[in-house]
Each structure stands twice: as C-alpha cells, then as structure tokens.
Amino acid sequence: MNTVSIIITMIIAVIAIFGLVNYIKKLKKGGDCCPEHEEATKSVKVKDRDKSHYPYEAKLAIDGMSCGNCVRNVENALNSLEGTWASVSLEDNQATVLLKSPPDIEKLSKAVSDAGYCVLKRKSRY
C-alpha cells in the first residue's frame, strides 16, 4: 500500500468512527426527534403487574411517535393514570391499555394528547 492509500483509509476510518459515536449518542438520547441534551425518559413502573386484575382493554392508534423515547412518553402518560397498565408499539403506532375499570376513552386520549401525541383511532373491549 502506498502512502496516499494509507492516508485515505485513515480518513475514512476516522469519519466512520465519528459517525458511529454520534449514532450511539442518538440512540442513548432517545432518537432523532428528541433534543440531544435530553436524557432518555425513565419508565413509570406499574405497581400492580397481575394481568388478571385488568379485565378491560383499550387500543389507541397514535400518531407522532418516532423513537423509543416517544414510546416511553406515551406509556408514562397512560401508566400515570390510576388503574391502567399500558404498553406501546412504535412499529404498530398503537397503545394497548389494560384497565381495572371500564375505559374512559376521553381520559386516555387526553393523557396521550397532553404528552404531545395524537390519538387517531380508539377501540375498547370489555
């Protein structure tokens, strides 16, 4: 290998490493939509994790999520409500909410909206 090839290879390697480091930082910070200075959101833990205590279910189609931090923001908004246990899928753009009492779809939608996302479609099952 001549000197020029070695220099070009080193420049490409430095650029690749720089790109990889920035990509890893974005993953840790929550993705493209979230400010770089903001740490990933901590999950709100549901205290009662016995699914048999949640006989009701609601599904919400959600718009505006684009990363894992968005998913946690929606889950946290829903899990902060009394008697709910939510899981959110970024792939399906959907929240599945288990509830201890019949769902108040407006209350669920407001929690999602207050978190900065839009509920497109709602469905509940008793």
C-alpha atoms as a PDB file:
ATOM      1  CA  MET A   1       0.000   0.000   0.000  1.00  0.00           C
ATOM      2  CA  ASN A   2       1.330   3.404  -0.820  1.00  0.00           C
ATOM      3  CA  THR A   3       1.213   6.446   1.460  1.00  0.00           C
ATOM      4  CA  VAL A   4      -1.812   8.037  -0.245  1.00  0.00           C
ATOM      5  CA  SER A   5      -3.884   4.866   0.189  1.00  0.00           C
ATOM      6  CA  ILE A   6      -2.965   4.678   3.868  1.00  0.00           C
ATOM      7  CA  ILE A   7      -3.953   8.321   4.449  1.00  0.00           C
ATOM      8  CA  ILE A   8      -7.284   7.874   2.626  1.00  0.00           C
ATOM      9  CA  THR A   9      -8.008   4.702   4.609  1.00  0.00           C
ATOM     10  CA  MET A  10      -7.256   6.510   7.882  1.00  0.00           C
ATOM     11  CA  ILE A  11      -9.534   9.434   6.948  1.00  0.00           C
ATOM     12  CA  ILE A  12     -12.376   7.037   6.089  1.00  0.00           C
ATOM     13  CA  ALA A  13     -11.838   5.182   9.386  1.00  0.00           C
ATOM     14  CA  VAL A  14     -11.976   8.439  11.391  1.00  0.00           C
ATOM     15  CA  ILE A  15     -15.191   9.504   9.627  1.00  0.00           C
ATOM     16  CA  ALA A  16     -16.743   6.072  10.245  1.00  0.00           C
ATOM     17  CA  ILE A  17     -15.829   6.151  13.944  1.00  0.00           C
ATOM     18  CA  PHE A  18     -17.182   9.698  14.314  1.00  0.00           C
ATOM     19  CA  GLY A  19     -20.461   8.648  12.659  1.00  0.00           C
ATOM     20  CA  LEU A  20     -20.776   5.566  14.857  1.00  0.00           C
ATOM     21  CA  VAL A  21     -20.175   7.553  18.053  1.00  0.00           C
ATOM     22  CA  ASN A  22     -22.850  10.101  17.078  1.00  0.00           C
ATOM     23  CA  TYR A  23     -25.297   7.322  16.187  1.00  0.00           C
ATOM     24  CA  ILE A  24     -24.789   5.652  19.574  1.00  0.00           C
ATOM     25  CA  LYS A  25     -25.328   9.013  21.327  1.00  0.00           C
ATOM     26  CA  LYS A  26     -28.628   9.482  19.470  1.00  0.00           C
ATOM     27  CA  LEU A  27     -29.788   6.013  20.485  1.00  0.00           C
ATOM     28  CA  LYS A  28     -28.991   6.739  24.128  1.00  0.00           C
ATOM     29  CA  LYS A  29     -30.715  10.120  23.997  1.00  0.00           C
ATOM     30  CA  GLY A  30     -33.920   8.724  22.517  1.00  0.00           C
ATOM     31  CA  GLY A  31     -33.597   9.230  18.783  1.00  0.00           C
ATOM     32  CA  ASP A  32     -33.864  11.933  16.158  1.00  0.00           C
ATOM     33  CA  CYS A  33     -36.978  13.649  17.480  1.00  0.00           C
ATOM     34  CA  CYS A  34     -35.701  14.329  20.964  1.00  0.00           C
ATOM     35  CA  PRO A  35     -33.263  17.115  21.836  1.00  0.00           C
ATOM     36  CA  GLU A  36     -29.668  15.945  22.121  1.00  0.00           C
ATOM     37  CA  HIS A  37     -29.251  17.392  25.613  1.00  0.00           C
ATOM     38  CA  GLU A  38     -32.224  15.434  26.925  1.00  0.00           C
ATOM     39  CA  GLU A  39     -31.582  12.064  28.556  1.00  0.00           C
ATOM     40  CA  ALA A  40     -33.782   9.093  27.717  1.00  0.00           C
ATOM     41  CA  THR A  41     -37.055   9.199  29.650  1.00  0.00           C
ATOM     42  CA  LYS A  42     -37.309   6.876  32.657  1.00  0.00           C
ATOM     43  CA  SER A  43     -40.249   4.480  32.596  1.00  0.00           C
ATOM     44  CA  VAL A  44     -43.135   4.831  35.028  1.00  0.00           C
ATOM     45  CA  LYS A  45     -43.455   1.390  36.623  1.00  0.00           C
ATOM     46  CA  VAL A  46     -46.900  -0.093  37.147  1.00  0.00           C
ATOM     47  CA  LYS A  47     -47.224  -1.283  40.741  1.00  0.00           C
ATOM     48  CA  ASP A  48     -49.840  -3.987  40.109  1.00  0.00           C
ATOM     49  CA  ARG A  49     -48.422  -6.262  37.399  1.00  0.00           C
ATOM     50  CA  ASP A  50     -51.024  -9.030  37.741  1.00  0.00           C
ATOM     51  CA  LYS A  51     -52.853  -9.052  34.406  1.00  0.00           C
ATOM     52  CA  SER A  52     -55.863 -10.783  35.939  1.00  0.00           C
ATOM     53  CA  HIS A  53     -56.604  -7.530  37.800  1.00  0.00           C
ATOM     54  CA  TYR A  54     -57.137  -5.735  34.475  1.00  0.00           C
ATOM     55  CA  PRO A  55     -60.306  -7.149  32.856  1.00  0.00           C
ATOM     56  CA  TYR A  56     -60.758  -4.265  30.390  1.00  0.00           C
ATOM     57  CA  GLU A  57     -58.709  -3.322  27.364  1.00  0.00           C
ATOM     58  CA  ALA A  58     -58.464  -0.287  25.112  1.00  0.00           C
ATOM     59  CA  LYS A  59     -56.390   0.156  21.974  1.00  0.00           C
ATOM     60  CA  LEU A  60     -55.347   3.575  20.737  1.00  0.00           C
ATOM     61  CA  ALA A  61     -53.790   4.309  17.340  1.00  0.00           C
ATOM     62  CA  ILE A  62     -51.244   7.045  17.990  1.00  0.00           C
ATOM     63  CA  ASP A  63     -49.585   9.482  15.603  1.00  0.00           C
ATOM     64  CA  GLY A  64     -46.397  11.428  16.196  1.00  0.00           C
ATOM     65  CA  MET A  65     -44.129   8.784  17.736  1.00  0.00           C
ATOM     66  CA  SER A  66     -40.763   8.288  16.071  1.00  0.00           C
ATOM     67  CA  CYS A  67     -38.405   6.780  18.657  1.00  0.00           C
ATOM     68  CA  GLY A  68     -38.144   4.809  21.877  1.00  0.00           C
ATOM     69  CA  ASN A  69     -38.353   7.968  23.948  1.00  0.00           C
ATOM     70  CA  CYS A  70     -41.709   8.776  22.328  1.00  0.00           C
ATOM     71  CA  VAL A  71     -42.922   5.278  23.241  1.00  0.00           C
ATOM     72  CA  ARG A  72     -41.862   5.776  26.873  1.00  0.00           C
ATOM     73  CA  ASN A  73     -43.519   9.212  26.970  1.00  0.00           C
ATOM     74  CA  VAL A  74     -46.856   7.743  25.836  1.00  0.00           C
ATOM     75  CA  GLU A  75     -46.539   4.723  28.156  1.00  0.00           C
ATOM     76  CA  ASN A  76     -45.691   7.008  31.080  1.00  0.00           C
ATOM     77  CA  ALA A  77     -48.663   9.273  30.359  1.00  0.00           C
ATOM     78  CA  LEU A  78     -51.031   6.297  30.327  1.00  0.00           C
ATOM     79  CA  ASN A  79     -49.390   4.397  33.208  1.00  0.00           C
ATOM     80  CA  SER A  80     -49.653   7.519  35.377  1.00  0.00           C
ATOM     81  CA  LEU A  81     -53.440   7.181  35.291  1.00  0.00           C
ATOM     82  CA  GLU A  82     -54.984   5.212  38.153  1.00  0.00           C
ATOM     83  CA  GLY A  83     -55.794   1.579  37.306  1.00  0.00           C
ATOM     84  CA  THR A  84     -54.021   1.408  33.944  1.00  0.00           C
ATOM     85  CA  TRP A  85     -51.199  -0.679  32.507  1.00  0.00           C
ATOM     86  CA  ALA A  86     -50.103   0.407  29.044  1.00  0.00           C
ATOM     87  CA  SER A  87     -47.697  -0.977  26.501  1.00  0.00           C
ATOM     88  CA  VAL A  88     -46.927   0.937  23.322  1.00  0.00           C
ATOM     89  CA  SER A  89     -45.662  -0.345  19.990  1.00  0.00           C
ATOM     90  CA  LEU A  90     -43.666   2.036  17.823  1.00  0.00           C
ATOM     91  CA  GLU A  91     -43.885  -0.414  14.928  1.00  0.00           C
ATOM     92  CA  ASP A  92     -47.697  -0.525  15.042  1.00  0.00           C
ATOM     93  CA  ASN A  93     -48.137   3.071  16.307  1.00  0.00           C
ATOM     94  CA  GLN A  94     -50.523   1.660  18.874  1.00  0.00           C
ATOM     95  CA  ALA A  95     -51.017   1.651  22.629  1.00  0.00           C
ATOM     96  CA  THR A  96     -52.657  -1.302  24.316  1.00  0.00           C
ATOM     97  CA  VAL A  97     -54.047  -0.261  27.681  1.00  0.00           C
ATOM     98  CA  LEU A  98     -55.231  -2.756  30.278  1.00  0.00           C
ATOM     99  CA  LEU A  99     -57.646  -1.270  32.797  1.00  0.00           C
ATOM    100  CA  LYS A 100     -59.173  -2.211  36.135  1.00  0.00           C
ATOM    101  CA  SER A 101     -62.438  -0.418  35.325  1.00  0.00           C
ATOM    102  CA  PRO A 102     -64.330   0.289  32.094  1.00  0.00           C
ATOM    103  CA  PRO A 103     -62.191   2.537  29.905  1.00  0.00           C
ATOM    104  CA  ASP A 104     -62.757   6.258  29.800  1.00  0.00           C
ATOM    105  CA  ILE A 105     -61.516   6.720  26.245  1.00  0.00           C
ATOM    106  CA  GLU A 106     -61.611  10.511  26.511  1.00  0.00           C
ATOM    107  CA  LYS A 107     -59.396  10.424  29.616  1.00  0.00           C
ATOM    108  CA  LEU A 108     -56.919   8.091  27.896  1.00  0.00           C
ATOM    109  CA  SER A 109     -56.893  10.253  24.767  1.00  0.00           C
ATOM    110  CA  LYS A 110     -56.338  13.400  26.830  1.00  0.00           C
ATOM    111  CA  ALA A 111     -53.341  11.824  28.596  1.00  0.00           C
ATOM    112  CA  VAL A 112     -51.785  10.964  25.218  1.00  0.00           C
ATOM    113  CA  SER A 113     -52.597  14.412  23.851  1.00  0.00           C
ATOM    114  CA  ASP A 114     -51.133  16.132  26.921  1.00  0.00           C
ATOM    115  CA  ALA A 115     -47.922  14.155  26.314  1.00  0.00           C
ATOM    116  CA  GLY A 116     -47.733  15.710  22.838  1.00  0.00           C
ATOM    117  CA  TYR A 117     -49.110  12.959  20.615  1.00  0.00           C
ATOM    118  CA  CYS A 118     -52.307  12.497  18.641  1.00  0.00           C
ATOM    119  CA  VAL A 119     -54.829   9.668  19.047  1.00  0.00           C
ATOM    120  CA  LEU A 120     -56.160   8.702  15.618  1.00  0.00           C
ATOM    121  CA  LYS A 121     -58.415   5.776  16.432  1.00  0.00           C
ATOM    122  CA  ARG A 122     -59.825   4.224  19.609  1.00  0.00           C
ATOM    123  CA  LYS A 123     -61.238   0.830  20.408  1.00  0.00           C
ATOM    124  CA  SER A 124     -62.224  -0.733  23.724  1.00  0.00           C
ATOM    125  CA  ARG A 125     -63.105  -4.255  24.772  1.00  0.00           C
ATOM    126  CA  TYR A 126     -64.968  -5.370  27.886  1.00  0.00           C
END
